[in-house]
Amino acid sequence: MKNTTPEQQALISQLEKIAEGLSLTFSPFCEVVLHDLRDPKHAILAIHNNLSGRSTGHPATELGLARIADPAFPQIIANYPNQFKDGRQVKSTSIGIKDSTGRYVAALCMNIDLTLFRGLQGMLDHFGSFSGDRPNESLELGGSDSIRAKIDSFAARLSTTPRALKTADRRILLQELKDSGLLEIRKAMETVASHLGVSRATVYSDTK
């Protein structure tokens, strides 16, 4: 059972409200997680706009454990590259919270899913182009990156994002991926499902 003081509990209670407020402000593309570092084995106290698939009661991350072990560990680590387990790229910021004794008792973390922004960038690039006949080339991409780039380009042509594609659009996309040979890449179906935010069963169904 974790030790606590009235001061620590007051800090945690205020942080719960801060986390909720941040999540409402930056919904839906920013996951906000409150970690209780007094209980590292069950550190996640609250998770808003859940993008990582974690849940309350999950253990502390490496940063949380580092703060527990070393009060001199940096209090703010901002805008560092990260990644969700399904391969989506993330920009993260982690803020450690200390009590009056200088001990880390909590951490407030924000994880921004860059998929949406890359989709928006794709739409802007498409809107600003001078020719609809611009060829698609992937000179340096390989494997899963090629598949994701193809999906982003397809969604941009429809002025939408990969995860907002309708069933009919997904089927056209899958046919294009098949015609280009990208579905022959190892774990192609898993990559497509992850990037579209659907199940592998749905992807297999859309290819029929």
N, C-alpha and C. Protein backbone atom coordinates (compact mmCIF):
# COMPACT_ATOMS: atom_id res chain seq x y z
N MET A 1 0.85 -1.19 0.00
CA MET A 1 0.00 0.00 0.00
C MET A 1 0.88 1.23 0.00
N LYS A 2 0.57 2.21 -0.84
CA LYS A 2 1.43 3.38 -0.96
C LYS A 2 1.28 4.32 0.23
N ASN A 3 2.41 4.94 0.61
CA ASN A 3 2.39 5.96 1.65
C ASN A 3 1.96 7.26 1.04
N THR A 4 1.23 8.06 1.78
CA THR A 4 0.76 9.34 1.26
C THR A 4 0.68 10.34 2.39
N THR A 5 0.68 11.60 2.05
CA THR A 5 0.51 12.70 3.00
C THR A 5 -0.60 13.58 2.49
N PRO A 6 -1.19 14.41 3.36
CA PRO A 6 -2.23 15.33 2.89
C PRO A 6 -1.74 16.24 1.77
N GLU A 7 -0.47 16.67 1.85
CA GLU A 7 0.08 17.53 0.81
C GLU A 7 0.13 16.80 -0.52
N GLN A 8 0.63 15.56 -0.50
CA GLN A 8 0.71 14.79 -1.73
C GLN A 8 -0.67 14.54 -2.32
N GLN A 9 -1.62 14.21 -1.46
CA GLN A 9 -2.96 13.93 -1.95
C GLN A 9 -3.59 15.18 -2.57
N ALA A 10 -3.29 16.34 -1.99
CA ALA A 10 -3.80 17.59 -2.54
C ALA A 10 -3.20 17.86 -3.92
N LEU A 11 -1.90 17.57 -4.06
CA LEU A 11 -1.25 17.72 -5.36
C LEU A 11 -1.90 16.83 -6.41
N ILE A 12 -2.10 15.57 -6.04
CA ILE A 12 -2.70 14.61 -6.97
C ILE A 12 -4.11 15.06 -7.38
N SER A 13 -4.89 15.53 -6.41
CA SER A 13 -6.26 15.95 -6.71
C SER A 13 -6.28 17.11 -7.69
N GLN A 14 -5.36 18.07 -7.51
CA GLN A 14 -5.30 19.20 -8.43
C GLN A 14 -4.82 18.76 -9.82
N LEU A 15 -3.87 17.84 -9.83
CA LEU A 15 -3.37 17.34 -11.11
C LEU A 15 -4.44 16.60 -11.89
N GLU A 16 -5.33 15.92 -11.20
CA GLU A 16 -6.42 15.24 -11.87
C GLU A 16 -7.28 16.23 -12.65
N LYS A 17 -7.53 17.39 -12.07
CA LYS A 17 -8.31 18.42 -12.74
C LYS A 17 -7.53 19.04 -13.89
N ILE A 18 -6.24 19.25 -13.69
CA ILE A 18 -5.40 19.81 -14.77
C ILE A 18 -5.37 18.87 -15.96
N ALA A 19 -5.20 17.57 -15.67
CA ALA A 19 -5.16 16.58 -16.74
C ALA A 19 -6.48 16.57 -17.51
N GLU A 20 -7.58 16.63 -16.80
CA GLU A 20 -8.89 16.63 -17.46
C GLU A 20 -9.07 17.89 -18.31
N GLY A 21 -8.66 19.04 -17.78
CA GLY A 21 -8.77 20.28 -18.54
C GLY A 21 -7.93 20.28 -19.80
N LEU A 22 -6.70 19.79 -19.69
CA LEU A 22 -5.84 19.71 -20.88
C LEU A 22 -6.43 18.78 -21.92
N SER A 23 -6.98 17.66 -21.46
CA SER A 23 -7.54 16.69 -22.41
C SER A 23 -8.73 17.27 -23.15
N LEU A 24 -9.55 18.05 -22.47
CA LEU A 24 -10.70 18.67 -23.13
C LEU A 24 -10.24 19.71 -24.14
N THR A 25 -9.17 20.42 -23.81
CA THR A 25 -8.67 21.47 -24.70
C THR A 25 -8.06 20.88 -25.96
N PHE A 26 -7.30 19.79 -25.82
CA PHE A 26 -6.56 19.24 -26.96
C PHE A 26 -7.17 17.96 -27.53
N SER A 27 -8.41 17.67 -27.17
CA SER A 27 -9.11 16.52 -27.75
C SER A 27 -9.30 16.75 -29.25
N PRO A 28 -9.19 15.71 -30.10
CA PRO A 28 -9.02 14.29 -29.74
C PRO A 28 -7.62 13.77 -29.99
N PHE A 29 -6.68 14.66 -30.34
CA PHE A 29 -5.39 14.18 -30.83
C PHE A 29 -4.30 14.15 -29.76
N CYS A 30 -4.63 14.51 -28.53
CA CYS A 30 -3.62 14.52 -27.47
C CYS A 30 -4.07 13.66 -26.30
N GLU A 31 -3.33 12.61 -26.05
CA GLU A 31 -3.58 11.77 -24.88
C GLU A 31 -2.92 12.42 -23.66
N VAL A 32 -3.67 12.52 -22.58
CA VAL A 32 -3.14 13.11 -21.34
C VAL A 32 -3.19 12.04 -20.25
N VAL A 33 -2.03 11.78 -19.64
CA VAL A 33 -1.93 10.70 -18.66
C VAL A 33 -1.36 11.24 -17.35
N LEU A 34 -2.04 10.91 -16.26
CA LEU A 34 -1.54 11.26 -14.93
C LEU A 34 -0.98 10.00 -14.28
N HIS A 35 0.31 10.05 -13.94
CA HIS A 35 1.00 8.93 -13.29
C HIS A 35 1.17 9.23 -11.80
N ASP A 36 0.81 8.30 -10.97
CA ASP A 36 1.05 8.38 -9.53
C ASP A 36 2.34 7.62 -9.24
N LEU A 37 3.44 8.35 -9.05
CA LEU A 37 4.75 7.71 -8.89
C LEU A 37 4.95 7.12 -7.50
N ARG A 38 3.98 7.30 -6.63
CA ARG A 38 4.06 6.65 -5.32
C ARG A 38 3.73 5.15 -5.44
N ASP A 39 3.14 4.78 -6.55
CA ASP A 39 2.72 3.39 -6.75
C ASP A 39 3.13 2.96 -8.16
N PRO A 40 4.44 2.76 -8.38
CA PRO A 40 4.94 2.54 -9.74
C PRO A 40 4.35 1.31 -10.45
N LYS A 41 3.95 0.28 -9.71
CA LYS A 41 3.40 -0.91 -10.35
C LYS A 41 1.99 -0.67 -10.89
N HIS A 42 1.34 0.35 -10.38
CA HIS A 42 -0.02 0.69 -10.83
C HIS A 42 -0.10 2.21 -11.01
N ALA A 43 0.85 2.75 -11.77
CA ALA A 43 1.06 4.20 -11.76
C ALA A 43 -0.02 5.00 -12.47
N ILE A 44 -0.61 4.48 -13.54
CA ILE A 44 -1.55 5.30 -14.29
C ILE A 44 -2.82 5.50 -13.48
N LEU A 45 -2.98 6.73 -13.03
CA LEU A 45 -4.13 7.09 -12.20
C LEU A 45 -5.30 7.56 -13.05
N ALA A 46 -4.99 8.23 -14.15
CA ALA A 46 -6.04 8.71 -15.06
C ALA A 46 -5.47 8.80 -16.47
N ILE A 47 -6.29 8.47 -17.47
CA ILE A 47 -5.87 8.58 -18.86
C ILE A 47 -7.04 9.12 -19.67
N HIS A 48 -6.80 10.23 -20.36
CA HIS A 48 -7.84 10.91 -21.11
C HIS A 48 -7.49 10.89 -22.60
N ASN A 49 -8.51 10.86 -23.46
CA ASN A 49 -8.29 10.76 -24.91
C ASN A 49 -7.36 9.58 -25.20
N ASN A 50 -7.72 8.43 -24.73
CA ASN A 50 -6.84 7.26 -24.78
C ASN A 50 -6.46 6.91 -26.21
N LEU A 51 -5.19 7.10 -26.54
CA LEU A 51 -4.67 6.79 -27.86
C LEU A 51 -3.69 5.62 -27.85
N SER A 52 -3.15 5.32 -26.69
CA SER A 52 -2.11 4.30 -26.58
C SER A 52 -2.65 2.91 -26.26
N GLY A 53 -3.91 2.84 -25.88
CA GLY A 53 -4.48 1.54 -25.53
C GLY A 53 -4.19 1.10 -24.10
N ARG A 54 -3.57 1.96 -23.31
CA ARG A 54 -3.31 1.62 -21.92
C ARG A 54 -4.56 1.90 -21.08
N SER A 55 -4.50 1.57 -19.80
CA SER A 55 -5.64 1.83 -18.93
C SER A 55 -5.15 2.15 -17.53
N THR A 56 -6.05 2.62 -16.69
CA THR A 56 -5.69 2.93 -15.31
C THR A 56 -5.18 1.67 -14.62
N GLY A 57 -4.18 1.86 -13.78
CA GLY A 57 -3.58 0.73 -13.09
C GLY A 57 -2.36 0.16 -13.77
N HIS A 58 -2.08 0.61 -15.01
CA HIS A 58 -0.88 0.14 -15.70
C HIS A 58 0.37 0.72 -15.04
N PRO A 59 1.52 0.05 -15.18
CA PRO A 59 2.73 0.49 -14.48
C PRO A 59 3.34 1.75 -15.05
N ALA A 60 4.31 2.30 -14.31
CA ALA A 60 5.03 3.49 -14.73
C ALA A 60 5.91 3.19 -15.94
N THR A 61 6.15 4.21 -16.74
CA THR A 61 7.06 4.08 -17.88
C THR A 61 8.51 4.20 -17.40
N GLU A 62 9.44 4.10 -18.34
CA GLU A 62 10.86 4.24 -17.99
C GLU A 62 11.16 5.61 -17.37
N LEU A 63 10.49 6.65 -17.89
CA LEU A 63 10.72 7.99 -17.33
C LEU A 63 10.23 8.07 -15.89
N GLY A 64 9.08 7.47 -15.64
CA GLY A 64 8.57 7.48 -14.28
C GLY A 64 9.50 6.77 -13.31
N LEU A 65 10.01 5.61 -13.71
CA LEU A 65 10.94 4.87 -12.86
C LEU A 65 12.24 5.64 -12.64
N ALA A 66 12.68 6.36 -13.68
CA ALA A 66 13.90 7.15 -13.55
C ALA A 66 13.71 8.28 -12.54
N ARG A 67 12.53 8.89 -12.56
CA ARG A 67 12.26 9.97 -11.60
C ARG A 67 12.17 9.43 -10.17
N ILE A 68 11.57 8.27 -10.02
CA ILE A 68 11.47 7.67 -8.69
C ILE A 68 12.87 7.39 -8.13
N ALA A 69 13.76 6.94 -9.01
CA ALA A 69 15.11 6.57 -8.57
C ALA A 69 16.00 7.77 -8.33
N ASP A 70 15.72 8.89 -8.99
CA ASP A 70 16.63 10.03 -8.94
C ASP A 70 15.86 11.34 -8.88
N PRO A 71 15.75 11.97 -7.71
CA PRO A 71 15.05 13.26 -7.59
C PRO A 71 15.68 14.36 -8.45
N ALA A 72 16.93 14.17 -8.88
CA ALA A 72 17.60 15.16 -9.72
C ALA A 72 17.28 14.98 -11.21
N PHE A 73 16.51 13.95 -11.53
CA PHE A 73 16.12 13.73 -12.92
C PHE A 73 15.36 14.95 -13.43
N PRO A 74 15.56 15.34 -14.70
CA PRO A 74 14.91 16.55 -15.22
C PRO A 74 13.40 16.56 -14.98
N GLN A 75 12.92 17.71 -14.55
CA GLN A 75 11.50 17.81 -14.23
C GLN A 75 10.63 17.92 -15.48
N ILE A 76 11.17 18.54 -16.53
CA ILE A 76 10.42 18.67 -17.78
C ILE A 76 11.24 18.11 -18.93
N ILE A 77 10.65 17.21 -19.67
CA ILE A 77 11.22 16.72 -20.93
C ILE A 77 10.15 16.96 -21.99
N ALA A 78 10.42 17.91 -22.88
CA ALA A 78 9.38 18.38 -23.79
C ALA A 78 9.64 17.97 -25.24
N ASN A 79 8.56 17.64 -25.92
CA ASN A 79 8.56 17.44 -27.37
C ASN A 79 9.57 16.40 -27.84
N TYR A 80 9.62 15.26 -27.15
CA TYR A 80 10.54 14.22 -27.59
C TYR A 80 9.79 13.20 -28.44
N PRO A 81 10.48 12.57 -29.40
CA PRO A 81 9.81 11.60 -30.28
C PRO A 81 9.46 10.33 -29.52
N ASN A 82 8.30 9.80 -29.84
CA ASN A 82 7.83 8.59 -29.17
C ASN A 82 7.02 7.78 -30.19
N GLN A 83 6.49 6.65 -29.77
CA GLN A 83 5.75 5.81 -30.70
C GLN A 83 4.77 4.93 -29.95
N PHE A 84 3.53 4.86 -30.46
CA PHE A 84 2.58 3.93 -29.89
C PHE A 84 2.92 2.52 -30.36
N LYS A 85 2.37 1.51 -29.68
CA LYS A 85 2.74 0.12 -29.98
C LYS A 85 2.34 -0.31 -31.39
N ASP A 86 1.38 0.43 -32.00
CA ASP A 86 0.97 0.06 -33.36
C ASP A 86 1.77 0.78 -34.44
N GLY A 87 2.81 1.54 -34.02
CA GLY A 87 3.68 2.18 -34.99
C GLY A 87 3.40 3.64 -35.25
N ARG A 88 2.29 4.18 -34.74
CA ARG A 88 2.00 5.59 -34.95
C ARG A 88 3.05 6.47 -34.26
N GLN A 89 3.48 7.51 -34.97
CA GLN A 89 4.48 8.40 -34.43
C GLN A 89 3.84 9.41 -33.48
N VAL A 90 4.55 9.71 -32.40
CA VAL A 90 4.00 10.53 -31.32
C VAL A 90 5.02 11.59 -30.91
N LYS A 91 4.51 12.76 -30.53
CA LYS A 91 5.34 13.77 -29.88
C LYS A 91 4.89 13.87 -28.43
N SER A 92 5.83 13.67 -27.50
CA SER A 92 5.48 13.57 -26.09
C SER A 92 6.15 14.65 -25.25
N THR A 93 5.47 15.01 -24.18
CA THR A 93 6.02 15.89 -23.15
C THR A 93 5.70 15.29 -21.79
N SER A 94 6.69 15.23 -20.92
CA SER A 94 6.52 14.65 -19.59
C SER A 94 6.95 15.67 -18.53
N ILE A 95 6.08 15.90 -17.56
CA ILE A 95 6.34 16.88 -16.50
C ILE A 95 6.29 16.17 -15.16
N GLY A 96 7.40 16.16 -14.46
CA GLY A 96 7.45 15.56 -13.14
C GLY A 96 6.99 16.54 -12.06
N ILE A 97 6.26 16.03 -11.09
CA ILE A 97 5.72 16.85 -10.01
C ILE A 97 6.33 16.39 -8.67
N LYS A 98 6.93 17.35 -7.96
CA LYS A 98 7.56 17.04 -6.68
C LYS A 98 6.74 17.59 -5.52
N ASP A 99 6.88 16.94 -4.37
CA ASP A 99 6.28 17.51 -3.16
C ASP A 99 7.28 18.43 -2.48
N SER A 100 6.96 18.93 -1.32
CA SER A 100 7.81 19.92 -0.65
C SER A 100 9.15 19.34 -0.20
N THR A 101 9.27 18.03 -0.16
CA THR A 101 10.54 17.41 0.23
C THR A 101 11.48 17.21 -0.96
N GLY A 102 10.97 17.52 -2.16
CA GLY A 102 11.78 17.33 -3.36
C GLY A 102 11.66 15.96 -3.98
N ARG A 103 10.73 15.17 -3.49
CA ARG A 103 10.53 13.82 -4.01
C ARG A 103 9.48 13.85 -5.12
N TYR A 104 9.75 13.12 -6.20
CA TYR A 104 8.76 13.00 -7.27
C TYR A 104 7.59 12.15 -6.79
N VAL A 105 6.39 12.69 -6.92
CA VAL A 105 5.21 11.95 -6.51
C VAL A 105 4.24 11.71 -7.67
N ALA A 106 4.43 12.46 -8.76
CA ALA A 106 3.51 12.30 -9.89
C ALA A 106 4.19 12.78 -11.16
N ALA A 107 3.58 12.44 -12.28
CA ALA A 107 4.03 12.93 -13.58
C ALA A 107 2.81 13.15 -14.46
N LEU A 108 2.82 14.26 -15.16
CA LEU A 108 1.75 14.59 -16.10
C LEU A 108 2.33 14.50 -17.51
N CYS A 109 1.77 13.63 -18.33
CA CYS A 109 2.35 13.37 -19.65
C CYS A 109 1.32 13.62 -20.75
N MET A 110 1.80 14.19 -21.83
CA MET A 110 0.95 14.46 -23.00
C MET A 110 1.57 13.79 -24.21
N ASN A 111 0.77 13.02 -24.92
CA ASN A 111 1.22 12.29 -26.11
C ASN A 111 0.36 12.70 -27.30
N ILE A 112 0.96 13.38 -28.26
CA ILE A 112 0.23 13.88 -29.42
C ILE A 112 0.42 12.94 -30.59
N ASP A 113 -0.70 12.42 -31.10
CA ASP A 113 -0.68 11.54 -32.27
C ASP A 113 -0.45 12.39 -33.51
N LEU A 114 0.67 12.17 -34.18
CA LEU A 114 1.02 12.98 -35.35
C LEU A 114 0.31 12.53 -36.61
N THR A 115 -0.42 11.40 -36.56
CA THR A 115 -1.10 10.89 -37.75
C THR A 115 -2.06 11.91 -38.32
N LEU A 116 -2.87 12.52 -37.47
CA LEU A 116 -3.84 13.50 -37.93
C LEU A 116 -3.16 14.67 -38.60
N PHE A 117 -2.08 15.16 -38.00
CA PHE A 117 -1.40 16.32 -38.55
C PHE A 117 -0.73 16.00 -39.88
N ARG A 118 -0.22 14.78 -40.00
CA ARG A 118 0.36 14.39 -41.27
C ARG A 118 -0.71 14.27 -42.34
N GLY A 119 -1.91 13.81 -41.91
CA GLY A 119 -3.01 13.77 -42.85
C GLY A 119 -3.42 15.16 -43.30
N LEU A 120 -3.46 16.11 -42.35
CA LEU A 120 -3.79 17.49 -42.69
C LEU A 120 -2.72 18.09 -43.60
N GLN A 121 -1.46 17.76 -43.30
CA GLN A 121 -0.38 18.26 -44.15
C GLN A 121 -0.52 17.71 -45.56
N GLY A 122 -0.93 16.44 -45.64
CA GLY A 122 -1.13 15.85 -46.95
C GLY A 122 -2.22 16.56 -47.73
N MET A 123 -3.30 16.93 -47.02
CA MET A 123 -4.38 17.66 -47.69
C MET A 123 -3.92 19.03 -48.16
N LEU A 124 -3.12 19.72 -47.33
CA LEU A 124 -2.62 21.04 -47.70
C LEU A 124 -1.68 20.95 -48.90
N ASP A 125 -0.83 19.92 -48.90
CA ASP A 125 0.07 19.73 -50.03
C ASP A 125 -0.72 19.50 -51.31
N HIS A 126 -1.76 18.70 -51.19
CA HIS A 126 -2.58 18.41 -52.37
C HIS A 126 -3.30 19.67 -52.85
N PHE A 127 -3.83 20.44 -51.92
CA PHE A 127 -4.56 21.65 -52.27
C PHE A 127 -3.64 22.67 -52.95
N GLY A 128 -2.39 22.74 -52.51
CA GLY A 128 -1.46 23.73 -53.04
C GLY A 128 -0.71 23.29 -54.28
N SER A 129 -0.97 22.07 -54.76
CA SER A 129 -0.25 21.58 -55.93
C SER A 129 -0.77 22.25 -57.20
N PHE A 130 0.07 22.31 -58.25
CA PHE A 130 -0.28 22.96 -59.50
C PHE A 130 -0.77 21.99 -60.57
N SER A 131 -0.61 20.68 -60.34
CA SER A 131 -0.99 19.72 -61.36
C SER A 131 -1.58 18.48 -60.72
N GLY A 132 -2.69 18.02 -61.31
CA GLY A 132 -3.29 16.79 -60.81
C GLY A 132 -2.61 15.55 -61.35
N ASP A 133 -1.62 15.75 -62.25
CA ASP A 133 -0.93 14.62 -62.87
C ASP A 133 0.42 14.34 -62.24
N ARG A 134 0.66 14.92 -61.08
CA ARG A 134 1.96 14.72 -60.42
C ARG A 134 2.15 13.24 -60.10
N PRO A 135 3.23 12.62 -60.56
CA PRO A 135 3.44 11.19 -60.30
C PRO A 135 3.79 10.93 -58.84
N ASN A 136 3.38 9.77 -58.37
CA ASN A 136 3.73 9.34 -57.02
C ASN A 136 5.02 8.54 -57.05
N GLU A 137 6.05 9.02 -56.37
CA GLU A 137 7.32 8.31 -56.31
C GLU A 137 7.72 8.13 -54.85
N SER A 138 8.25 6.98 -54.56
CA SER A 138 8.76 6.67 -53.23
C SER A 138 10.19 6.18 -53.38
N LEU A 139 11.11 7.13 -53.53
CA LEU A 139 12.48 6.77 -53.87
C LEU A 139 13.25 6.15 -52.71
N GLU A 140 12.93 6.59 -51.49
CA GLU A 140 13.73 6.14 -50.36
C GLU A 140 12.91 5.40 -49.31
N LEU A 141 11.60 5.27 -49.56
CA LEU A 141 10.79 4.61 -48.58
C LEU A 141 10.80 3.10 -48.80
N GLY A 142 10.61 2.35 -47.78
CA GLY A 142 10.57 0.91 -47.91
C GLY A 142 9.66 0.30 -46.87
N GLY A 143 9.14 -0.88 -47.18
CA GLY A 143 8.35 -1.60 -46.21
C GLY A 143 7.11 -0.85 -45.75
N SER A 144 6.90 -0.87 -44.43
CA SER A 144 5.71 -0.27 -43.85
C SER A 144 5.59 1.22 -44.15
N ASP A 145 6.72 1.92 -44.23
CA ASP A 145 6.67 3.35 -44.53
C ASP A 145 6.06 3.60 -45.90
N SER A 146 6.34 2.74 -46.87
CA SER A 146 5.76 2.89 -48.20
C SER A 146 4.25 2.74 -48.16
N ILE A 147 3.78 1.77 -47.37
CA ILE A 147 2.35 1.55 -47.26
C ILE A 147 1.68 2.75 -46.62
N ARG A 148 2.24 3.25 -45.53
CA ARG A 148 1.65 4.41 -44.84
C ARG A 148 1.63 5.63 -45.74
N ALA A 149 2.72 5.83 -46.50
CA ALA A 149 2.79 6.98 -47.40
C ALA A 149 1.73 6.89 -48.48
N LYS A 150 1.50 5.69 -49.00
CA LYS A 150 0.48 5.48 -50.03
C LYS A 150 -0.90 5.76 -49.47
N ILE A 151 -1.15 5.30 -48.25
CA ILE A 151 -2.45 5.53 -47.62
C ILE A 151 -2.68 7.02 -47.37
N ASP A 152 -1.65 7.71 -46.86
CA ASP A 152 -1.77 9.16 -46.61
C ASP A 152 -2.06 9.91 -47.91
N SER A 153 -1.39 9.52 -48.99
CA SER A 153 -1.58 10.18 -50.28
C SER A 153 -3.00 9.94 -50.80
N PHE A 154 -3.49 8.71 -50.64
CA PHE A 154 -4.85 8.39 -51.08
C PHE A 154 -5.87 9.21 -50.30
N ALA A 155 -5.71 9.28 -48.98
CA ALA A 155 -6.65 10.03 -48.15
C ALA A 155 -6.61 11.52 -48.50
N ALA A 156 -5.42 12.03 -48.79
CA ALA A 156 -5.29 13.45 -49.15
C ALA A 156 -6.05 13.77 -50.42
N ARG A 157 -6.06 12.84 -51.37
CA ARG A 157 -6.79 13.04 -52.62
C ARG A 157 -8.29 13.18 -52.37
N LEU A 158 -8.76 12.60 -51.29
CA LEU A 158 -10.18 12.68 -50.94
C LEU A 158 -10.45 13.75 -49.89
N SER A 159 -9.40 14.52 -49.56
CA SER A 159 -9.51 15.59 -48.56
C SER A 159 -10.01 15.05 -47.22
N THR A 160 -9.41 13.95 -46.80
CA THR A 160 -9.78 13.37 -45.52
C THR A 160 -8.55 12.77 -44.88
N THR A 161 -8.71 12.04 -43.81
CA THR A 161 -7.60 11.37 -43.13
C THR A 161 -7.77 9.86 -43.25
N PRO A 162 -6.70 9.09 -43.10
CA PRO A 162 -6.81 7.64 -43.25
C PRO A 162 -7.88 7.00 -42.38
N ARG A 163 -8.01 7.45 -41.15
CA ARG A 163 -8.97 6.82 -40.24
C ARG A 163 -10.41 7.24 -40.50
N ALA A 164 -10.60 8.26 -41.35
CA ALA A 164 -11.96 8.71 -41.68
C ALA A 164 -12.45 8.14 -43.01
N LEU A 165 -11.66 7.28 -43.65
CA LEU A 165 -12.07 6.72 -44.93
C LEU A 165 -13.31 5.83 -44.77
N LYS A 166 -14.24 5.95 -45.71
CA LYS A 166 -15.43 5.11 -45.70
C LYS A 166 -15.11 3.75 -46.30
N THR A 167 -16.04 2.82 -46.11
CA THR A 167 -15.81 1.44 -46.56
C THR A 167 -15.51 1.38 -48.05
N ALA A 168 -16.31 2.10 -48.85
CA ALA A 168 -16.09 2.07 -50.31
C ALA A 168 -14.72 2.62 -50.67
N ASP A 169 -14.30 3.67 -49.96
CA ASP A 169 -12.99 4.27 -50.22
C ASP A 169 -11.88 3.31 -49.82
N ARG A 170 -12.06 2.62 -48.68
CA ARG A 170 -11.04 1.66 -48.24
C ARG A 170 -10.85 0.56 -49.27
N ARG A 171 -11.94 0.12 -49.90
CA ARG A 171 -11.84 -0.95 -50.89
C ARG A 171 -11.08 -0.49 -52.12
N ILE A 172 -11.30 0.75 -52.53
CA ILE A 172 -10.53 1.30 -53.65
C ILE A 172 -9.07 1.40 -53.26
N LEU A 173 -8.80 1.87 -52.03
CA LEU A 173 -7.43 1.98 -51.55
C LEU A 173 -6.74 0.63 -51.54
N LEU A 174 -7.42 -0.40 -51.03
CA LEU A 174 -6.82 -1.74 -50.96
C LEU A 174 -6.50 -2.25 -52.36
N GLN A 175 -7.36 -1.94 -53.32
CA GLN A 175 -7.09 -2.38 -54.69
C GLN A 175 -5.84 -1.67 -55.23
N GLU A 176 -5.70 -0.39 -54.93
CA GLU A 176 -4.51 0.35 -55.37
C GLU A 176 -3.25 -0.20 -54.72
N LEU A 177 -3.36 -0.52 -53.43
CA LEU A 177 -2.21 -1.11 -52.74
C LEU A 177 -1.84 -2.46 -53.35
N LYS A 178 -2.87 -3.23 -53.68
CA LYS A 178 -2.63 -4.55 -54.29
C LYS A 178 -1.99 -4.39 -55.67
N ASP A 179 -2.53 -3.47 -56.47
CA ASP A 179 -2.00 -3.26 -57.82
C ASP A 179 -0.55 -2.79 -57.81
N SER A 180 -0.18 -2.03 -56.78
CA SER A 180 1.19 -1.51 -56.69
C SER A 180 2.16 -2.49 -56.05
N GLY A 181 1.63 -3.64 -55.61
CA GLY A 181 2.48 -4.67 -55.01
C GLY A 181 2.78 -4.45 -53.54
N LEU A 182 2.19 -3.43 -52.94
CA LEU A 182 2.52 -3.12 -51.55
C LEU A 182 1.94 -4.14 -50.57
N LEU A 183 0.90 -4.84 -50.97
CA LEU A 183 0.34 -5.84 -50.08
C LEU A 183 1.20 -7.10 -50.00
N GLU A 184 2.23 -7.17 -50.83
CA GLU A 184 3.16 -8.30 -50.77
C GLU A 184 4.23 -8.09 -49.71
N ILE A 185 4.31 -6.87 -49.16
CA ILE A 185 5.30 -6.57 -48.13
C ILE A 185 4.95 -7.32 -46.85
N ARG A 186 5.96 -7.74 -46.15
CA ARG A 186 5.77 -8.50 -44.90
C ARG A 186 4.92 -7.68 -43.91
N LYS A 187 3.91 -8.34 -43.34
CA LYS A 187 2.99 -7.74 -42.36
C LYS A 187 2.25 -6.54 -42.95
N ALA A 188 1.99 -6.58 -44.26
CA ALA A 188 1.29 -5.46 -44.91
C ALA A 188 -0.10 -5.25 -44.32
N MET A 189 -0.85 -6.35 -44.12
CA MET A 189 -2.21 -6.23 -43.62
C MET A 189 -2.24 -5.60 -42.23
N GLU A 190 -1.28 -5.99 -41.37
CA GLU A 190 -1.21 -5.41 -40.03
C GLU A 190 -0.93 -3.91 -40.10
N THR A 191 -0.03 -3.51 -41.01
CA THR A 191 0.30 -2.10 -41.16
C THR A 191 -0.89 -1.30 -41.65
N VAL A 192 -1.59 -1.85 -42.66
CA VAL A 192 -2.78 -1.17 -43.20
C VAL A 192 -3.85 -1.03 -42.11
N ALA A 193 -4.12 -2.10 -41.39
CA ALA A 193 -5.15 -2.07 -40.34
C ALA A 193 -4.81 -1.04 -39.28
N SER A 194 -3.55 -1.01 -38.86
CA SER A 194 -3.12 -0.07 -37.84
C SER A 194 -3.27 1.37 -38.31
N HIS A 195 -2.86 1.65 -39.55
CA HIS A 195 -2.88 3.02 -40.04
C HIS A 195 -4.31 3.50 -40.30
N LEU A 196 -5.19 2.58 -40.66
CA LEU A 196 -6.59 2.94 -40.91
C LEU A 196 -7.43 2.92 -39.65
N GLY A 197 -6.89 2.31 -38.58
CA GLY A 197 -7.64 2.23 -37.33
C GLY A 197 -8.78 1.23 -37.39
N VAL A 198 -8.58 0.14 -38.15
CA VAL A 198 -9.60 -0.91 -38.25
C VAL A 198 -8.95 -2.25 -37.92
N SER A 199 -9.75 -3.29 -37.83
CA SER A 199 -9.21 -4.62 -37.53
C SER A 199 -8.63 -5.26 -38.79
N ARG A 200 -7.77 -6.25 -38.59
CA ARG A 200 -7.23 -6.98 -39.73
C ARG A 200 -8.33 -7.71 -40.49
N ALA A 201 -9.34 -8.17 -39.76
CA ALA A 201 -10.46 -8.84 -40.41
C ALA A 201 -11.17 -7.90 -41.38
N THR A 202 -11.29 -6.64 -40.99
CA THR A 202 -11.91 -5.65 -41.87
C THR A 202 -11.07 -5.44 -43.12
N VAL A 203 -9.75 -5.38 -42.94
CA VAL A 203 -8.86 -5.19 -44.10
C VAL A 203 -8.98 -6.37 -45.04
N TYR A 204 -8.95 -7.59 -44.50
CA TYR A 204 -9.08 -8.77 -45.36
C TYR A 204 -10.42 -8.76 -46.09
N SER A 205 -11.49 -8.33 -45.42
CA SER A 205 -12.80 -8.25 -46.05
C SER A 205 -12.81 -7.22 -47.18
N ASP A 206 -12.12 -6.10 -46.95
CA ASP A 206 -12.11 -5.04 -47.96
C ASP A 206 -11.30 -5.43 -49.20
N THR A 207 -10.43 -6.40 -49.09
CA THR A 207 -9.64 -6.80 -50.25
C THR A 207 -10.37 -7.79 -51.15
N LYS A 208 -11.50 -8.30 -50.68
CA LYS A 208 -12.22 -9.31 -51.46
C LYS A 208 -13.05 -8.65 -52.55
